[in-house]
Amino acid sequence: MTELVVLYSTLLLAILGFGFGVFLAYSAQKFKVEEDPRVKMIVEVLPGINCGACGFAGCEAYAKAIVKGQAETNRCLPGRPQGVEEKIKKILEEHRNDAP
């Protein structure tokens, strides 16, 4: 009798696990957020110190504003000696059509 309880419990947990897995996979595809790949490229070029000198909360917020056209490319003060502005302009020119 106890073997049947263990067997049914195991089967029930397996079915529930499979069902929740399918639900999570469906939800991940249904509600996924597509991000502009240029944002990640610009964040990699920026110094990454999140100083806020550009007027945004951090480097990622600044990169998103650049891609949306809401900020100029010359606002990163710590990145000026490394030529960040030119690198950002190059990314925007080369990946002009990559926007989702």
PDB file of N, CA and C in Angstrom:
ATOM      1  N   MET A   1       0.815  -1.197   0.000  1.00  0.00           N
ATOM      2  CA  MET A   1       0.000   0.000   0.000  1.00  0.00           C
ATOM      3  C   MET A   1       0.857   1.259   0.000  1.00  0.00           C
ATOM      4  N   THR A   2       1.924   1.281   0.830  1.00  0.00           N
ATOM      5  CA  THR A   2       2.777   2.473   0.871  1.00  0.00           C
ATOM      6  C   THR A   2       3.550   2.653  -0.426  1.00  0.00           C
ATOM      7  N   GLU A   3       3.808   1.526  -1.158  1.00  0.00           N
ATOM      8  CA  GLU A   3       4.504   1.672  -2.433  1.00  0.00           C
ATOM      9  C   GLU A   3       3.644   2.432  -3.435  1.00  0.00           C
ATOM     10  N   LEU A   4       2.323   2.192  -3.404  1.00  0.00           N
ATOM     11  CA  LEU A   4       1.415   2.896  -4.313  1.00  0.00           C
ATOM     12  C   LEU A   4       1.333   4.386  -3.977  1.00  0.00           C
ATOM     13  N   VAL A   5       1.354   4.711  -2.706  1.00  0.00           N
ATOM     14  CA  VAL A   5       1.320   6.124  -2.302  1.00  0.00           C
ATOM     15  C   VAL A   5       2.579   6.829  -2.796  1.00  0.00           C
ATOM     16  N   VAL A   6       3.715   6.175  -2.638  1.00  0.00           N
ATOM     17  CA  VAL A   6       4.982   6.765  -3.114  1.00  0.00           C
ATOM     18  C   VAL A   6       4.961   6.888  -4.630  1.00  0.00           C
ATOM     19  N   LEU A   7       4.458   5.876  -5.319  1.00  0.00           N
ATOM     20  CA  LEU A   7       4.395   5.907  -6.784  1.00  0.00           C
ATOM     21  C   LEU A   7       3.476   7.017  -7.268  1.00  0.00           C
ATOM     22  N   TYR A   8       2.293   7.118  -6.701  1.00  0.00           N
ATOM     23  CA  TYR A   8       1.353   8.171  -7.116  1.00  0.00           C
ATOM     24  C   TYR A   8       1.877   9.568  -6.779  1.00  0.00           C
ATOM     25  N   SER A   9       2.503   9.692  -5.641  1.00  0.00           N
ATOM     26  CA  SER A   9       3.078  10.991  -5.263  1.00  0.00           C
ATOM     27  C   SER A   9       4.180  11.396  -6.238  1.00  0.00           C
ATOM     28  N   THR A  10       5.006  10.445  -6.610  1.00  0.00           N
ATOM     29  CA  THR A  10       6.089  10.731  -7.553  1.00  0.00           C
ATOM     30  C   THR A  10       5.519  11.110  -8.917  1.00  0.00           C
ATOM     31  N   LEU A  11       4.511  10.375  -9.365  1.00  0.00           N
ATOM     32  CA  LEU A  11       3.887  10.696 -10.654  1.00  0.00           C
ATOM     33  C   LEU A  11       3.232  12.072 -10.621  1.00  0.00           C
ATOM     34  N   LEU A  12       2.543  12.368  -9.533  1.00  0.00           N
ATOM     35  CA  LEU A  12       1.902  13.682  -9.413  1.00  0.00           C
ATOM     36  C   LEU A  12       2.940  14.807  -9.445  1.00  0.00           C
ATOM     37  N   LEU A  13       4.030  14.650  -8.718  1.00  0.00           N
ATOM     38  CA  LEU A  13       5.082  15.677  -8.723  1.00  0.00           C
ATOM     39  C   LEU A  13       5.724  15.805 -10.094  1.00  0.00           C
ATOM     40  N   ALA A  14       5.907  14.693 -10.794  1.00  0.00           N
ATOM     41  CA  ALA A  14       6.480  14.755 -12.140  1.00  0.00           C
ATOM     42  C   ALA A  14       5.553  15.489 -13.092  1.00  0.00           C
ATOM     43  N   ILE A  15       4.260  15.200 -13.020  1.00  0.00           N
ATOM     44  CA  ILE A  15       3.288  15.876 -13.893  1.00  0.00           C
ATOM     45  C   ILE A  15       3.217  17.361 -13.575  1.00  0.00           C
ATOM     46  N   LEU A  16       3.190  17.703 -12.286  1.00  0.00           N
ATOM     47  CA  LEU A  16       3.173  19.123 -11.903  1.00  0.00           C
ATOM     48  C   LEU A  16       4.454  19.826 -12.344  1.00  0.00           C
ATOM     49  N   GLY A  17       5.595  19.192 -12.189  1.00  0.00           N
ATOM     50  CA  GLY A  17       6.865  19.781 -12.617  1.00  0.00           C
ATOM     51  C   GLY A  17       6.895  20.018 -14.110  1.00  0.00           C
ATOM     52  N   PHE A  18       6.407  19.036 -14.870  1.00  0.00           N
ATOM     53  CA  PHE A  18       6.357  19.204 -16.325  1.00  0.00           C
ATOM     54  C   PHE A  18       5.415  20.341 -16.713  1.00  0.00           C
ATOM     55  N   GLY A  19       4.256  20.375 -16.057  1.00  0.00           N
ATOM     56  CA  GLY A  19       3.281  21.434 -16.360  1.00  0.00           C
ATOM     57  C   GLY A  19       3.820  22.824 -16.047  1.00  0.00           C
ATOM     58  N   PHE A  20       4.444  22.969 -14.902  1.00  0.00           N
ATOM     59  CA  PHE A  20       5.024  24.278 -14.554  1.00  0.00           C
ATOM     60  C   PHE A  20       6.179  24.636 -15.494  1.00  0.00           C
ATOM     61  N   GLY A  21       6.943  23.659 -15.901  1.00  0.00           N
ATOM     62  CA  GLY A  21       8.039  23.913 -16.852  1.00  0.00           C
ATOM     63  C   GLY A  21       7.526  24.412 -18.182  1.00  0.00           C
ATOM     64  N   VAL A  22       6.467  23.782 -18.682  1.00  0.00           N
ATOM     65  CA  VAL A  22       5.862  24.225 -19.947  1.00  0.00           C
ATOM     66  C   VAL A  22       5.300  25.634 -19.786  1.00  0.00           C
ATOM     67  N   PHE A  23       4.638  25.896 -18.665  1.00  0.00           N
ATOM     68  CA  PHE A  23       4.081  27.223 -18.424  1.00  0.00           C
ATOM     69  C   PHE A  23       5.186  28.284 -18.374  1.00  0.00           C
ATOM     70  N   LEU A  24       6.288  27.993 -17.691  1.00  0.00           N
ATOM     71  CA  LEU A  24       7.389  28.962 -17.606  1.00  0.00           C
ATOM     72  C   LEU A  24       8.044  29.188 -18.961  1.00  0.00           C
ATOM     73  N   ALA A  25       8.194  28.132 -19.755  1.00  0.00           N
ATOM     74  CA  ALA A  25       8.779  28.286 -21.093  1.00  0.00           C
ATOM     75  C   ALA A  25       7.876  29.135 -21.978  1.00  0.00           C
ATOM     76  N   TYR A  26       6.586  28.893 -21.906  1.00  0.00           N
ATOM     77  CA  TYR A  26       5.628  29.696 -22.687  1.00  0.00           C
ATOM     78  C   TYR A  26       5.656  31.151 -22.234  1.00  0.00           C
ATOM     79  N   SER A  27       5.656  31.380 -20.928  1.00  0.00           N
ATOM     80  CA  SER A  27       5.669  32.747 -20.394  1.00  0.00           C
ATOM     81  C   SER A  27       6.946  33.481 -20.779  1.00  0.00           C
ATOM     82  N   ALA A  28       8.067  32.776 -20.770  1.00  0.00           N
ATOM     83  CA  ALA A  28       9.334  33.414 -21.131  1.00  0.00           C
ATOM     84  C   ALA A  28       9.315  33.882 -22.579  1.00  0.00           C
ATOM     85  N   GLN A  29       8.710  33.101 -23.459  1.00  0.00           N
ATOM     86  CA  GLN A  29       8.636  33.500 -24.865  1.00  0.00           C
ATOM     87  C   GLN A  29       7.579  34.579 -25.084  1.00  0.00           C
ATOM     88  N   LYS A  30       6.469  34.473 -24.397  1.00  0.00           N
ATOM     89  CA  LYS A  30       5.364  35.411 -24.592  1.00  0.00           C
ATOM     90  C   LYS A  30       5.700  36.808 -24.088  1.00  0.00           C
ATOM     91  N   PHE A  31       6.371  36.889 -22.952  1.00  0.00           N
ATOM     92  CA  PHE A  31       6.615  38.187 -22.315  1.00  0.00           C
ATOM     93  C   PHE A  31       8.070  38.627 -22.379  1.00  0.00           C
ATOM     94  N   LYS A  32       8.853  38.099 -23.296  1.00  0.00           N
ATOM     95  CA  LYS A  32      10.254  38.496 -23.364  1.00  0.00           C
ATOM     96  C   LYS A  32      10.367  39.946 -23.851  1.00  0.00           C
ATOM     97  N   VAL A  33      11.391  40.595 -23.358  1.00  0.00           N
ATOM     98  CA  VAL A  33      11.626  41.993 -23.686  1.00  0.00           C
ATOM     99  C   VAL A  33      12.788  42.060 -24.671  1.00  0.00           C
ATOM    100  N   GLU A  34      12.518  42.627 -25.824  1.00  0.00           N
ATOM    101  CA  GLU A  34      13.586  42.769 -26.809  1.00  0.00           C
ATOM    102  C   GLU A  34      14.275  44.113 -26.594  1.00  0.00           C
ATOM    103  N   GLU A  35      15.576  44.057 -26.463  1.00  0.00           N
ATOM    104  CA  GLU A  35      16.347  45.268 -26.233  1.00  0.00           C
ATOM    105  C   GLU A  35      17.203  45.553 -27.458  1.00  0.00           C
ATOM    106  N   ASP A  36      17.361  46.818 -27.728  1.00  0.00           N
ATOM    107  CA  ASP A  36      18.183  47.230 -28.858  1.00  0.00           C
ATOM    108  C   ASP A  36      19.627  46.771 -28.617  1.00  0.00           C
ATOM    109  N   PRO A  37      20.235  46.030 -29.524  1.00  0.00           N
ATOM    110  CA  PRO A  37      21.594  45.537 -29.296  1.00  0.00           C
ATOM    111  C   PRO A  37      22.640  46.654 -29.233  1.00  0.00           C
ATOM    112  N   ARG A  38      22.297  47.816 -29.759  1.00  0.00           N
ATOM    113  CA  ARG A  38      23.239  48.938 -29.704  1.00  0.00           C
ATOM    114  C   ARG A  38      23.448  49.429 -28.274  1.00  0.00           C
ATOM    115  N   VAL A  39      22.440  49.265 -27.413  1.00  0.00           N
ATOM    116  CA  VAL A  39      22.583  49.694 -26.014  1.00  0.00           C
ATOM    117  C   VAL A  39      23.727  48.933 -25.356  1.00  0.00           C
ATOM    118  N   LYS A  40      23.769  47.630 -25.556  1.00  0.00           N
ATOM    119  CA  LYS A  40      24.823  46.818 -24.946  1.00  0.00           C
ATOM    120  C   LYS A  40      26.199  47.198 -25.497  1.00  0.00           C
ATOM    121  N   MET A  41      26.251  47.462 -26.815  1.00  0.00           N
ATOM    122  CA  MET A  41      27.532  47.853 -27.419  1.00  0.00           C
ATOM    123  C   MET A  41      28.029  49.179 -26.848  1.00  0.00           C
ATOM    124  N   ILE A  42      27.114  50.115 -26.673  1.00  0.00           N
ATOM    125  CA  ILE A  42      27.504  51.427 -26.134  1.00  0.00           C
ATOM    126  C   ILE A  42      27.912  51.302 -24.670  1.00  0.00           C
ATOM    127  N   VAL A  43      27.210  50.490 -23.909  1.00  0.00           N
ATOM    128  CA  VAL A  43      27.574  50.291 -22.503  1.00  0.00           C
ATOM    129  C   VAL A  43      28.981  49.703 -22.388  1.00  0.00           C
ATOM    130  N   GLU A  44      29.338  48.821 -23.313  1.00  0.00           N
ATOM    131  CA  GLU A  44      30.681  48.230 -23.283  1.00  0.00           C
ATOM    132  C   GLU A  44      31.765  49.266 -23.594  1.00  0.00           C
ATOM    133  N   VAL A  45      31.417  50.284 -24.371  1.00  0.00           N
ATOM    134  CA  VAL A  45      32.386  51.330 -24.725  1.00  0.00           C
ATOM    135  C   VAL A  45      32.543  52.344 -23.593  1.00  0.00           C
ATOM    136  N   LEU A  46      31.455  52.598 -22.869  1.00  0.00           N
ATOM    137  CA  LEU A  46      31.496  53.585 -21.791  1.00  0.00           C
ATOM    138  C   LEU A  46      32.402  53.085 -20.657  1.00  0.00           C
ATOM    139  N   PRO A  47      32.952  54.018 -19.848  1.00  0.00           N
ATOM    140  CA  PRO A  47      33.876  53.608 -18.785  1.00  0.00           C
ATOM    141  C   PRO A  47      33.250  52.704 -17.727  1.00  0.00           C
ATOM    142  N   GLY A  48      31.939  52.810 -17.522  1.00  0.00           N
ATOM    143  CA  GLY A  48      31.261  51.926 -16.579  1.00  0.00           C
ATOM    144  C   GLY A  48      31.412  52.304 -15.132  1.00  0.00           C
ATOM    145  N   ILE A  49      31.712  53.550 -14.864  1.00  0.00           N
ATOM    146  CA  ILE A  49      31.867  53.968 -13.465  1.00  0.00           C
ATOM    147  C   ILE A  49      30.579  54.561 -12.899  1.00  0.00           C
ATOM    148  N   ASN A  50      29.547  54.700 -13.740  1.00  0.00           N
ATOM    149  CA  ASN A  50      28.231  55.182 -13.306  1.00  0.00           C
ATOM    150  C   ASN A  50      28.336  56.457 -12.479  1.00  0.00           C
ATOM    151  N   CYS A  51      29.083  57.417 -12.962  1.00  0.00           N
ATOM    152  CA  CYS A  51      29.348  58.645 -12.207  1.00  0.00           C
ATOM    153  C   CYS A  51      28.172  59.616 -12.242  1.00  0.00           C
ATOM    154  N   GLY A  52      27.349  59.555 -13.267  1.00  0.00           N
ATOM    155  CA  GLY A  52      26.217  60.456 -13.380  1.00  0.00           C
ATOM    156  C   GLY A  52      26.571  61.810 -13.953  1.00  0.00           C
ATOM    157  N   ALA A  53      27.795  61.996 -14.404  1.00  0.00           N
ATOM    158  CA  ALA A  53      28.207  63.284 -14.965  1.00  0.00           C
ATOM    159  C   ALA A  53      27.474  63.605 -16.265  1.00  0.00           C
ATOM    160  N   CYS A  54      26.935  62.605 -16.902  1.00  0.00           N
ATOM    161  CA  CYS A  54      26.200  62.812 -18.149  1.00  0.00           C
ATOM    162  C   CYS A  54      24.776  63.305 -17.883  1.00  0.00           C
ATOM    163  N   GLY A  55      24.342  63.232 -16.645  1.00  0.00           N
ATOM    164  CA  GLY A  55      22.993  63.659 -16.304  1.00  0.00           C
ATOM    165  C   GLY A  55      22.012  62.502 -16.216  1.00  0.00           C
ATOM    166  N   PHE A  56      22.480  61.278 -16.356  1.00  0.00           N
ATOM    167  CA  PHE A  56      21.616  60.104 -16.263  1.00  0.00           C
ATOM    168  C   PHE A  56      22.031  59.261 -15.056  1.00  0.00           C
ATOM    169  N   ALA A  57      21.182  58.330 -14.694  1.00  0.00           N
ATOM    170  CA  ALA A  57      21.399  57.546 -13.477  1.00  0.00           C
ATOM    171  C   ALA A  57      22.629  56.654 -13.556  1.00  0.00           C
ATOM    172  N   GLY A  58      23.051  56.292 -14.734  1.00  0.00           N
ATOM    173  CA  GLY A  58      24.222  55.435 -14.892  1.00  0.00           C
ATOM    174  C   GLY A  58      24.543  55.270 -16.354  1.00  0.00           C
ATOM    175  N   CYS A  59      25.545  54.454 -16.631  1.00  0.00           N
ATOM    176  CA  CYS A  59      25.995  54.280 -18.010  1.00  0.00           C
ATOM    177  C   CYS A  59      24.909  53.633 -18.877  1.00  0.00           C
ATOM    178  N   GLU A  60      24.176  52.677 -18.333  1.00  0.00           N
ATOM    179  CA  GLU A  60      23.148  52.016 -19.134  1.00  0.00           C
ATOM    180  C   GLU A  60      22.006  52.984 -19.462  1.00  0.00           C
ATOM    181  N   ALA A  61      21.606  53.802 -18.519  1.00  0.00           N
ATOM    182  CA  ALA A  61      20.552  54.794 -18.781  1.00  0.00           C
ATOM    183  C   ALA A  61      21.018  55.787 -19.835  1.00  0.00           C
ATOM    184  N   TYR A  62      22.278  56.168 -19.776  1.00  0.00           N
ATOM    185  CA  TYR A  62      22.830  57.080 -20.779  1.00  0.00           C
ATOM    186  C   TYR A  62      22.850  56.412 -22.152  1.00  0.00           C
ATOM    187  N   ALA A  63      23.242  55.145 -22.203  1.00  0.00           N
ATOM    188  CA  ALA A  63      23.271  54.425 -23.479  1.00  0.00           C
ATOM    189  C   ALA A  63      21.870  54.306 -24.079  1.00  0.00           C
ATOM    190  N   LYS A  64      20.881  54.022 -23.240  1.00  0.00           N
ATOM    191  CA  LYS A  64      19.506  53.937 -23.736  1.00  0.00           C
ATOM    192  C   LYS A  64      19.034  55.280 -24.278  1.00  0.00           C
ATOM    193  N   ALA A  65      19.396  56.364 -23.607  1.00  0.00           N
ATOM    194  CA  ALA A  65      19.004  57.695 -24.074  1.00  0.00           C
ATOM    195  C   ALA A  65      19.674  58.028 -25.402  1.00  0.00           C
ATOM    196  N   ILE A  66      20.916  57.616 -25.577  1.00  0.00           N
ATOM    197  CA  ILE A  66      21.608  57.864 -26.850  1.00  0.00           C
ATOM    198  C   ILE A  66      20.904  57.129 -27.976  1.00  0.00           C
ATOM    199  N   VAL A  67      20.579  55.870 -27.748  1.00  0.00           N
ATOM    200  CA  VAL A  67      19.934  55.067 -28.799  1.00  0.00           C
ATOM    201  C   VAL A  67      18.562  55.632 -29.154  1.00  0.00           C
ATOM    202  N   LYS A  68      17.854  56.161 -28.145  1.00  0.00           N
ATOM    203  CA  LYS A  68      16.538  56.751 -28.412  1.00  0.00           C
ATOM    204  C   LYS A  68      16.639  58.141 -29.028  1.00  0.00           C
ATOM    205  N   GLY A  69      17.836  58.706 -29.077  1.00  0.00           N
ATOM    206  CA  GLY A  69      18.021  60.038 -29.628  1.00  0.00           C
ATOM    207  C   GLY A  69      17.721  61.135 -28.634  1.00  0.00           C
ATOM    208  N   GLN A  70      17.723  60.812 -27.352  1.00  0.00           N
ATOM    209  CA  GLN A  70      17.397  61.786 -26.319  1.00  0.00           C
ATOM    210  C   GLN A  70      18.635  62.399 -25.665  1.00  0.00           C
ATOM    211  N   ALA A  71      19.819  61.984 -26.066  1.00  0.00           N
ATOM    212  CA  ALA A  71      21.042  62.529 -25.473  1.00  0.00           C
ATOM    213  C   ALA A  71      22.130  62.610 -26.536  1.00  0.00           C
ATOM    214  N   GLU A  72      23.010  63.566 -26.344  1.00  0.00           N
ATOM    215  CA  GLU A  72      24.135  63.712 -27.252  1.00  0.00           C
ATOM    216  C   GLU A  72      25.201  62.671 -26.909  1.00  0.00           C
ATOM    217  N   THR A  73      26.099  62.440 -27.841  1.00  0.00           N
ATOM    218  CA  THR A  73      27.135  61.430 -27.621  1.00  0.00           C
ATOM    219  C   THR A  73      28.350  61.978 -26.882  1.00  0.00           C
ATOM    220  N   ASN A  74      28.358  63.267 -26.572  1.00  0.00           N
ATOM    221  CA  ASN A  74      29.552  63.874 -25.962  1.00  0.00           C
ATOM    222  C   ASN A  74      29.391  64.182 -24.476  1.00  0.00           C
ATOM    223  N   ARG A  75      28.487  63.523 -23.801  1.00  0.00           N
ATOM    224  CA  ARG A  75      28.205  63.864 -22.405  1.00  0.00           C
ATOM    225  C   ARG A  75      28.990  63.025 -21.398  1.00  0.00           C
ATOM    226  N   CYS A  76      29.755  62.064 -21.850  1.00  0.00           N
ATOM    227  CA  CYS A  76      30.523  61.228 -20.930  1.00  0.00           C
ATOM    228  C   CYS A  76      31.878  61.883 -20.662  1.00  0.00           C
ATOM    229  N   LEU A  77      31.978  62.574 -19.533  1.00  0.00           N
ATOM    230  CA  LEU A  77      33.211  63.294 -19.210  1.00  0.00           C
ATOM    231  C   LEU A  77      34.380  62.358 -18.915  1.00  0.00           C
ATOM    232  N   PRO A  78      34.208  61.291 -18.116  1.00  0.00           N
ATOM    233  CA  PRO A  78      35.355  60.405 -17.859  1.00  0.00           C
ATOM    234  C   PRO A  78      35.838  59.665 -19.104  1.00  0.00           C
ATOM    235  N   GLY A  79      34.973  59.532 -20.104  1.00  0.00           N
ATOM    236  CA  GLY A  79      35.347  58.781 -21.299  1.00  0.00           C
ATOM    237  C   GLY A  79      35.990  59.600 -22.396  1.00  0.00           C
ATOM    238  N   ARG A  80      36.048  60.898 -22.211  1.00  0.00           N
ATOM    239  CA  ARG A  80      36.613  61.751 -23.263  1.00  0.00           C
ATOM    240  C   ARG A  80      38.067  61.419 -23.603  1.00  0.00           C
ATOM    241  N   PRO A  81      38.943  61.213 -22.618  1.00  0.00           N
ATOM    242  CA  PRO A  81      40.337  60.885 -22.980  1.00  0.00           C
ATOM    243  C   PRO A  81      40.467  59.574 -23.754  1.00  0.00           C
ATOM    244  N   GLN A  82      39.528  58.638 -23.581  1.00  0.00           N
ATOM    245  CA  GLN A  82      39.596  57.354 -24.294  1.00  0.00           C
ATOM    246  C   GLN A  82      38.878  57.408 -25.642  1.00  0.00           C
ATOM    247  N   GLY A  83      38.305  58.540 -26.003  1.00  0.00           N
ATOM    248  CA  GLY A  83      37.625  58.665 -27.291  1.00  0.00           C
ATOM    249  C   GLY A  83      36.271  57.973 -27.332  1.00  0.00           C
ATOM    250  N   VAL A  84      35.564  58.006 -26.228  1.00  0.00           N
ATOM    251  CA  VAL A  84      34.265  57.338 -26.150  1.00  0.00           C
ATOM    252  C   VAL A  84      33.273  57.932 -27.149  1.00  0.00           C
ATOM    253  N   GLU A  85      33.301  59.230 -27.317  1.00  0.00           N
ATOM    254  CA  GLU A  85      32.346  59.874 -28.224  1.00  0.00           C
ATOM    255  C   GLU A  85      32.496  59.331 -29.651  1.00  0.00           C
ATOM    256  N   GLU A  86      33.707  59.212 -30.112  1.00  0.00           N
ATOM    257  CA  GLU A  86      33.935  58.701 -31.471  1.00  0.00           C
ATOM    258  C   GLU A  86      33.513  57.235 -31.589  1.00  0.00           C
ATOM    259  N   LYS A  87      33.762  56.464 -30.541  1.00  0.00           N
ATOM    260  CA  LYS A  87      33.362  55.050 -30.564  1.00  0.00           C
ATOM    261  C   LYS A  87      31.838  54.919 -30.605  1.00  0.00           C
ATOM    262  N   ILE A  88      31.145  55.769 -29.858  1.00  0.00           N
ATOM    263  CA  ILE A  88      29.675  55.729 -29.859  1.00  0.00           C
ATOM    264  C   ILE A  88      29.144  56.116 -31.235  1.00  0.00           C
ATOM    265  N   LYS A  89      29.706  57.156 -31.813  1.00  0.00           N
ATOM    266  CA  LYS A  89      29.268  57.569 -33.150  1.00  0.00           C
ATOM    267  C   LYS A  89      29.499  56.458 -34.166  1.00  0.00           C
ATOM    268  N   LYS A  90      30.631  55.769 -34.057  1.00  0.00           N
ATOM    269  CA  LYS A  90      30.931  54.669 -34.973  1.00  0.00           C
ATOM    270  C   LYS A  90      29.910  53.545 -34.808  1.00  0.00           C
ATOM    271  N   ILE A  91      29.555  53.212 -33.570  1.00  0.00           N
ATOM    272  CA  ILE A  91      28.551  52.164 -33.322  1.00  0.00           C
ATOM    273  C   ILE A  91      27.214  52.562 -33.924  1.00  0.00           C
ATOM    274  N   LEU A  92      26.812  53.807 -33.718  1.00  0.00           N
ATOM    275  CA  LEU A  92      25.517  54.256 -34.229  1.00  0.00           C
ATOM    276  C   LEU A  92      25.491  54.255 -35.744  1.00  0.00           C
ATOM    277  N   GLU A  93      26.631  54.590 -36.389  1.00  0.00           N
ATOM    278  CA  GLU A  93      26.665  54.587 -37.854  1.00  0.00           C
ATOM    279  C   GLU A  93      26.681  53.175 -38.418  1.00  0.00           C
ATOM    280  N   GLU A  94      27.465  52.299 -37.802  1.00  0.00           N
ATOM    281  CA  GLU A  94      27.598  50.939 -38.331  1.00  0.00           C
ATOM    282  C   GLU A  94      26.359  50.089 -38.091  1.00  0.00           C
ATOM    283  N   HIS A  95      25.627  50.373 -37.034  1.00  0.00           N
ATOM    284  CA  HIS A  95      24.472  49.542 -36.677  1.00  0.00           C
ATOM    285  C   HIS A  95      23.181  50.358 -36.751  1.00  0.00           C
ATOM    286  N   ARG A  96      23.094  51.180 -37.749  1.00  0.00           N
ATOM    287  CA  ARG A  96      21.945  52.064 -37.906  1.00  0.00           C
ATOM    288  C   ARG A  96      20.634  51.279 -38.063  1.00  0.00           C
ATOM    289  N   ASN A  97      20.691  50.137 -38.696  1.00  0.00           N
ATOM    290  CA  ASN A  97      19.472  49.368 -38.998  1.00  0.00           C
ATOM    291  C   ASN A  97      19.229  48.211 -38.035  1.00  0.00           C
ATOM    292  N   ASP A  98      19.944  48.174 -36.924  1.00  0.00           N
ATOM    293  CA  ASP A  98      19.807  47.055 -35.986  1.00  0.00           C
ATOM    294  C   ASP A  98      18.708  47.266 -34.963  1.00  0.00           C
ATOM    295  N   ALA A  99      18.038  48.384 -34.988  1.00  0.00           N
ATOM    296  CA  ALA A  99      16.995  48.652 -33.998  1.00  0.00           C
ATOM    297  C   ALA A  99      15.858  47.641 -34.144  1.00  0.00           C
ATOM    298  N   PRO A 100      15.312  47.156 -33.007  1.00  0.00           N
ATOM    299  CA  PRO A 100      14.209  46.176 -33.105  1.00  0.00           C
ATOM    300  C   PRO A 100      12.924  46.799 -33.608  1.00  0.00           C
TER     301      PRO A 100
END
